[in-house]
Protein backbone atom coordinates (compact mmCIF):
# COMPACT_ATOMS: atom_id res chain seq x y z
CA MET A 1 117.25 78.72 176.17
CA ASP A 2 114.73 78.79 172.68
CA HIS A 3 117.69 77.75 170.71
CA LEU A 4 119.36 74.85 172.87
CA ASP A 5 116.28 72.85 174.05
CA GLY A 6 116.55 69.38 172.83
CA SER A 7 120.12 70.12 171.98
CA LYS A 8 121.88 66.87 174.52
CA LEU A 9 119.21 64.58 173.02
CA PHE A 10 120.51 65.87 169.23
CA PHE A 11 123.58 65.27 170.05
CA GLU A 12 122.84 61.93 171.80
CA THR A 13 121.20 60.36 168.56
CA PHE A 14 122.89 62.60 165.78
CA GLY A 15 126.66 62.88 167.15
CA PRO A 16 127.89 65.58 165.37
CA ILE A 17 131.55 66.14 165.11
CA ASN A 18 131.34 70.35 165.31
CA PHE A 19 129.03 72.77 165.95
CA TRP A 20 128.80 76.79 166.68
CA ASP A 21 129.62 78.43 168.92
CA THR A 22 128.85 82.22 170.11
CA ASP A 23 132.16 82.32 172.37
CA ASN A 24 130.08 83.90 175.03
CA CYS A 25 129.97 83.88 178.50
CA GLU A 26 126.37 83.67 179.93
CA LYS A 27 125.20 82.38 183.28
CA LYS A 28 122.28 81.06 184.06
CA ASP A 29 120.32 83.64 186.49
CA TRP A 30 117.13 82.59 186.06
CA GLU A 31 114.85 79.69 187.93
CA LEU A 32 114.06 76.63 185.34
CA THR A 33 112.02 75.10 188.02
CA GLU A 34 109.53 77.62 186.63
CA SER A 35 110.15 77.69 183.03
CA LYS A 36 109.39 75.41 180.29
CA TYR A 37 113.37 74.72 179.27
CA ASN A 38 114.51 71.96 180.38
CA GLU A 39 118.03 72.40 182.67
CA GLU A 40 119.63 69.29 181.46
CA ASP A 41 120.21 70.93 178.02
CA TRP A 42 121.58 74.08 180.02
CA LEU A 43 123.75 72.27 181.48
CA PHE A 44 124.86 69.87 178.50
CA TYR A 45 125.53 72.82 176.29
CA LYS A 46 127.77 74.63 179.30
CA SER A 47 129.79 71.66 179.48
CA LEU A 48 130.54 71.54 175.76
CA ARG A 49 130.50 75.38 176.24
CA ASP A 50 133.35 75.29 178.61
CA THR A 51 135.21 72.66 177.26
CA ASN A 52 138.69 73.39 174.81
CA PRO A 53 137.39 74.49 171.15
CA GLN A 54 139.14 71.44 170.16
CA SER A 55 137.89 68.84 171.82
CA ASN A 56 134.91 66.52 170.12
CA PRO A 57 132.52 67.78 169.28
CA LYS A 58 135.00 70.69 167.90
CA ARG A 59 133.70 73.59 169.24
CA LEU A 60 133.51 76.80 166.07
CA THR A 61 133.74 80.45 166.78
CA LEU A 62 131.98 83.76 164.34
CA TYR A 63 132.55 86.24 166.26
CA SER A 64 131.34 89.71 164.80
CA GLY A 65 132.29 91.70 162.66
CA ARG A 66 134.02 88.70 160.91
CA ARG A 67 133.45 88.69 157.14
CA LYS A 68 135.50 84.65 155.72
CA THR A 69 136.05 82.36 157.93
CA ARG A 70 138.29 79.82 157.48
CA ILE A 71 138.26 76.53 159.52
CA LYS A 72 140.83 73.54 160.39
CA LEU A 73 138.88 70.50 160.60
């Protein structure tokens, strides 16, 4: 969550056309009511993560061990 906090506001403000993602399948197994993080940012990230990689914004992934990346935008 420390990398996601504020992400919804960032996307709303700047409207990026793509973003890097690790293609994880992390599930929320902690309580945000007791946390300093915003659950709305988590839900926003999940909606981005769980959509088609070609949607807008485009989800770009880089897997461990990859050296060269070619991106078609």
